[in-house]
Amino acid sequence: MSYELVENPAYAGRTPTPQKAVCHDGSPFVSVKCACGYVQHLHETQLAAIPEDAEVGSPCKGCGELHVYPPGFFEYAFQQMRLAGWIE
């Protein structure tokens, strides 16, 4: 795997509190770090129409490598963020 989910550095060391996303579309997002070091984020609204059993492909905006995420990868990430208390 040439990518990993990473914490948003702006929230490092903070206690989770449910928040609205302040990014461009106002929806929660996950941050993914490529092996090249580039960190990009994908919004829940971008992923909402994709079937649960589908793989998701997204090129790294830093190096162009295609990342293929397994089915359920993002649903699980958003679920964990909700359980931790980061998003509503």
N, C-alpha and C. Protein backbone atom coordinates (compact mmCIF):
# COMPACT_ATOMS: atom_id res chain seq x y z
N MET A 1 0.86 -1.18 0.00
CA MET A 1 0.00 0.00 0.00
C MET A 1 0.90 1.23 0.00
N SER A 2 0.62 2.14 -0.89
CA SER A 2 1.47 3.33 -1.00
C SER A 2 0.80 4.58 -0.45
N TYR A 3 -0.17 4.39 0.42
CA TYR A 3 -0.86 5.52 1.05
C TYR A 3 -1.29 5.12 2.45
N GLU A 4 -1.63 6.11 3.26
CA GLU A 4 -2.14 5.84 4.60
C GLU A 4 -3.07 6.97 5.03
N LEU A 5 -4.05 6.63 5.85
CA LEU A 5 -4.88 7.66 6.46
C LEU A 5 -4.04 8.38 7.49
N VAL A 6 -4.14 9.69 7.54
CA VAL A 6 -3.38 10.46 8.52
C VAL A 6 -4.31 11.44 9.23
N GLU A 7 -3.92 11.81 10.42
CA GLU A 7 -4.68 12.81 11.17
C GLU A 7 -4.43 14.18 10.57
N ASN A 8 -5.41 15.03 10.69
CA ASN A 8 -5.27 16.41 10.24
C ASN A 8 -4.33 17.11 11.22
N PRO A 9 -3.17 17.59 10.77
CA PRO A 9 -2.22 18.21 11.69
C PRO A 9 -2.77 19.44 12.41
N ALA A 10 -3.78 20.07 11.86
CA ALA A 10 -4.37 21.23 12.51
C ALA A 10 -5.09 20.85 13.81
N TYR A 11 -5.39 19.54 13.98
CA TYR A 11 -6.12 19.10 15.16
C TYR A 11 -5.27 18.23 16.08
N ALA A 12 -4.00 18.16 15.85
CA ALA A 12 -3.09 17.34 16.66
C ALA A 12 -3.15 17.78 18.12
N GLY A 13 -3.33 16.81 19.01
CA GLY A 13 -3.34 17.08 20.44
C GLY A 13 -4.64 17.66 20.97
N ARG A 14 -5.61 17.89 20.11
CA ARG A 14 -6.88 18.46 20.57
C ARG A 14 -7.85 17.36 20.97
N THR A 15 -8.74 17.68 21.88
CA THR A 15 -9.79 16.76 22.29
C THR A 15 -10.88 16.78 21.22
N PRO A 16 -11.34 15.59 20.80
CA PRO A 16 -12.39 15.56 19.78
C PRO A 16 -13.65 16.26 20.24
N THR A 17 -14.18 17.10 19.39
CA THR A 17 -15.48 17.72 19.58
C THR A 17 -16.16 17.72 18.22
N PRO A 18 -17.45 17.32 18.15
CA PRO A 18 -18.13 17.28 16.86
C PRO A 18 -18.11 18.65 16.20
N GLN A 19 -17.69 18.66 14.95
CA GLN A 19 -17.53 19.92 14.23
C GLN A 19 -18.08 19.79 12.82
N LYS A 20 -18.42 20.92 12.27
CA LYS A 20 -18.75 20.99 10.85
C LYS A 20 -17.44 21.22 10.11
N ALA A 21 -17.31 20.60 8.95
CA ALA A 21 -16.11 20.79 8.16
C ALA A 21 -16.06 22.22 7.64
N VAL A 22 -14.88 22.78 7.61
CA VAL A 22 -14.74 24.16 7.14
C VAL A 22 -14.13 24.22 5.75
N CYS A 23 -13.99 23.08 5.11
CA CYS A 23 -13.42 23.04 3.77
C CYS A 23 -14.46 23.49 2.75
N HIS A 24 -14.08 23.48 1.50
CA HIS A 24 -14.87 24.09 0.43
C HIS A 24 -16.31 23.63 0.30
N ASP A 25 -16.62 22.35 0.56
CA ASP A 25 -18.02 21.95 0.39
C ASP A 25 -18.76 21.71 1.71
N GLY A 26 -18.08 21.92 2.82
CA GLY A 26 -18.72 21.83 4.12
C GLY A 26 -18.98 20.43 4.63
N SER A 27 -18.47 19.40 3.92
CA SER A 27 -18.68 18.03 4.39
C SER A 27 -17.41 17.49 5.03
N PRO A 28 -17.54 16.48 5.88
CA PRO A 28 -16.36 15.87 6.49
C PRO A 28 -15.44 15.29 5.41
N PHE A 29 -14.16 15.21 5.74
CA PHE A 29 -13.21 14.63 4.79
C PHE A 29 -12.17 13.82 5.54
N VAL A 30 -11.52 12.92 4.81
CA VAL A 30 -10.41 12.17 5.36
C VAL A 30 -9.14 12.62 4.63
N SER A 31 -8.04 12.62 5.37
CA SER A 31 -6.75 12.98 4.79
C SER A 31 -5.97 11.71 4.50
N VAL A 32 -5.40 11.64 3.30
CA VAL A 32 -4.65 10.47 2.86
C VAL A 32 -3.27 10.94 2.43
N LYS A 33 -2.24 10.30 3.00
CA LYS A 33 -0.86 10.65 2.67
C LYS A 33 -0.28 9.61 1.73
N CYS A 34 0.24 10.06 0.61
CA CYS A 34 0.87 9.19 -0.38
C CYS A 34 2.31 8.89 0.05
N ALA A 35 2.88 7.84 -0.49
CA ALA A 35 4.28 7.51 -0.23
C ALA A 35 5.21 8.64 -0.66
N CYS A 36 4.76 9.48 -1.59
CA CYS A 36 5.58 10.61 -2.05
C CYS A 36 5.58 11.76 -1.03
N GLY A 37 4.68 11.68 -0.02
CA GLY A 37 4.60 12.71 1.01
C GLY A 37 3.44 13.67 0.84
N TYR A 38 2.81 13.66 -0.32
CA TYR A 38 1.69 14.57 -0.56
C TYR A 38 0.47 14.11 0.25
N VAL A 39 -0.21 15.06 0.90
CA VAL A 39 -1.42 14.76 1.66
C VAL A 39 -2.59 15.40 0.95
N GLN A 40 -3.55 14.58 0.58
CA GLN A 40 -4.77 15.11 -0.04
C GLN A 40 -5.96 14.67 0.79
N HIS A 41 -7.09 15.27 0.54
CA HIS A 41 -8.27 14.84 1.29
C HIS A 41 -9.42 14.58 0.34
N LEU A 42 -10.25 13.64 0.78
CA LEU A 42 -11.43 13.26 0.01
C LEU A 42 -12.65 13.48 0.89
N HIS A 43 -13.64 14.14 0.32
CA HIS A 43 -14.85 14.51 1.06
C HIS A 43 -15.90 13.41 1.03
N GLU A 44 -16.66 13.35 2.11
CA GLU A 44 -17.74 12.38 2.21
C GLU A 44 -18.75 12.58 1.08
N THR A 45 -19.02 13.82 0.70
CA THR A 45 -19.97 14.08 -0.38
C THR A 45 -19.45 13.54 -1.72
N GLN A 46 -18.14 13.56 -1.94
CA GLN A 46 -17.57 13.03 -3.18
C GLN A 46 -17.76 11.52 -3.28
N LEU A 47 -17.79 10.86 -2.14
CA LEU A 47 -17.82 9.41 -2.09
C LEU A 47 -19.22 8.84 -1.89
N ALA A 48 -20.19 9.69 -1.59
CA ALA A 48 -21.54 9.24 -1.21
C ALA A 48 -22.24 8.43 -2.30
N ALA A 49 -22.03 8.73 -3.55
CA ALA A 49 -22.75 8.04 -4.62
C ALA A 49 -22.09 6.73 -5.05
N ILE A 50 -20.95 6.41 -4.48
CA ILE A 50 -20.23 5.20 -4.87
C ILE A 50 -20.80 4.02 -4.08
N PRO A 51 -21.14 2.92 -4.75
CA PRO A 51 -21.67 1.75 -4.04
C PRO A 51 -20.69 1.24 -2.99
N GLU A 52 -21.23 0.72 -1.87
CA GLU A 52 -20.41 0.24 -0.76
C GLU A 52 -19.43 -0.85 -1.16
N ASP A 53 -19.78 -1.65 -2.16
CA ASP A 53 -18.94 -2.78 -2.55
C ASP A 53 -17.96 -2.45 -3.68
N ALA A 54 -17.83 -1.17 -4.01
CA ALA A 54 -16.94 -0.76 -5.09
C ALA A 54 -15.58 -0.30 -4.59
N GLU A 55 -14.55 -0.57 -5.36
CA GLU A 55 -13.24 0.02 -5.08
C GLU A 55 -13.29 1.47 -5.54
N VAL A 56 -12.46 2.30 -4.93
CA VAL A 56 -12.39 3.72 -5.31
C VAL A 56 -10.97 4.00 -5.78
N GLY A 57 -10.86 4.56 -6.96
CA GLY A 57 -9.55 4.93 -7.47
C GLY A 57 -9.41 6.44 -7.48
N SER A 58 -8.25 6.91 -7.05
CA SER A 58 -7.99 8.35 -7.02
C SER A 58 -6.50 8.58 -7.23
N PRO A 59 -6.13 9.39 -8.20
CA PRO A 59 -4.70 9.66 -8.39
C PRO A 59 -4.17 10.63 -7.35
N CYS A 60 -2.93 10.43 -6.95
CA CYS A 60 -2.26 11.37 -6.04
C CYS A 60 -2.04 12.67 -6.81
N LYS A 61 -2.35 13.77 -6.18
CA LYS A 61 -2.15 15.07 -6.82
C LYS A 61 -0.70 15.51 -6.76
N GLY A 62 0.12 14.76 -6.00
CA GLY A 62 1.54 15.09 -5.92
C GLY A 62 2.36 14.39 -6.99
N CYS A 63 2.20 13.05 -7.09
CA CYS A 63 3.04 12.28 -8.02
C CYS A 63 2.26 11.61 -9.13
N GLY A 64 0.93 11.59 -9.02
CA GLY A 64 0.10 10.99 -10.06
C GLY A 64 -0.18 9.50 -9.88
N GLU A 65 0.42 8.85 -8.88
CA GLU A 65 0.18 7.43 -8.68
C GLU A 65 -1.29 7.18 -8.39
N LEU A 66 -1.84 6.14 -9.01
CA LEU A 66 -3.24 5.80 -8.77
C LEU A 66 -3.35 5.01 -7.48
N HIS A 67 -4.13 5.52 -6.55
CA HIS A 67 -4.42 4.81 -5.31
C HIS A 67 -5.76 4.11 -5.49
N VAL A 68 -5.80 2.84 -5.18
CA VAL A 68 -7.05 2.08 -5.25
C VAL A 68 -7.40 1.67 -3.83
N TYR A 69 -8.52 2.20 -3.35
CA TYR A 69 -8.98 1.95 -2.00
C TYR A 69 -10.00 0.81 -2.02
N PRO A 70 -9.89 -0.13 -1.09
CA PRO A 70 -10.81 -1.28 -1.08
C PRO A 70 -12.23 -0.87 -0.69
N PRO A 71 -13.20 -1.72 -1.04
CA PRO A 71 -14.59 -1.43 -0.65
C PRO A 71 -14.68 -1.21 0.86
N GLY A 72 -15.44 -0.20 1.25
CA GLY A 72 -15.66 0.09 2.66
C GLY A 72 -14.58 0.92 3.34
N PHE A 73 -13.48 1.20 2.66
CA PHE A 73 -12.36 1.93 3.24
C PHE A 73 -12.81 3.28 3.81
N PHE A 74 -13.51 4.05 3.01
CA PHE A 74 -13.91 5.40 3.45
C PHE A 74 -15.08 5.36 4.42
N GLU A 75 -16.01 4.44 4.20
CA GLU A 75 -17.13 4.32 5.14
C GLU A 75 -16.59 4.04 6.54
N TYR A 76 -15.62 3.14 6.63
CA TYR A 76 -15.02 2.80 7.92
C TYR A 76 -14.31 4.02 8.52
N ALA A 77 -13.57 4.75 7.70
CA ALA A 77 -12.84 5.92 8.20
C ALA A 77 -13.81 6.97 8.76
N PHE A 78 -14.89 7.25 8.05
CA PHE A 78 -15.87 8.22 8.54
C PHE A 78 -16.57 7.71 9.79
N GLN A 79 -16.86 6.41 9.83
CA GLN A 79 -17.48 5.82 11.02
C GLN A 79 -16.57 5.99 12.24
N GLN A 80 -15.28 5.75 12.07
CA GLN A 80 -14.34 5.88 13.17
C GLN A 80 -14.23 7.34 13.64
N MET A 81 -14.27 8.28 12.70
CA MET A 81 -14.23 9.69 13.06
C MET A 81 -15.46 10.09 13.87
N ARG A 82 -16.62 9.52 13.49
CA ARG A 82 -17.85 9.81 14.23
C ARG A 82 -17.79 9.19 15.62
N LEU A 83 -17.35 7.95 15.69
CA LEU A 83 -17.26 7.27 16.99
C LEU A 83 -16.29 7.99 17.93
N ALA A 84 -15.21 8.54 17.38
CA ALA A 84 -14.22 9.26 18.18
C ALA A 84 -14.74 10.63 18.61
N GLY A 85 -15.80 11.11 17.95
CA GLY A 85 -16.38 12.40 18.32
C GLY A 85 -15.87 13.58 17.51
N TRP A 86 -15.22 13.32 16.38
CA TRP A 86 -14.71 14.42 15.57
C TRP A 86 -15.76 15.06 14.68
N ILE A 87 -16.68 14.27 14.19
CA ILE A 87 -17.70 14.81 13.29
C ILE A 87 -19.08 14.36 13.75
N GLU A 88 -20.07 15.09 13.35
CA GLU A 88 -21.46 14.81 13.74
C GLU A 88 -22.00 13.61 12.99
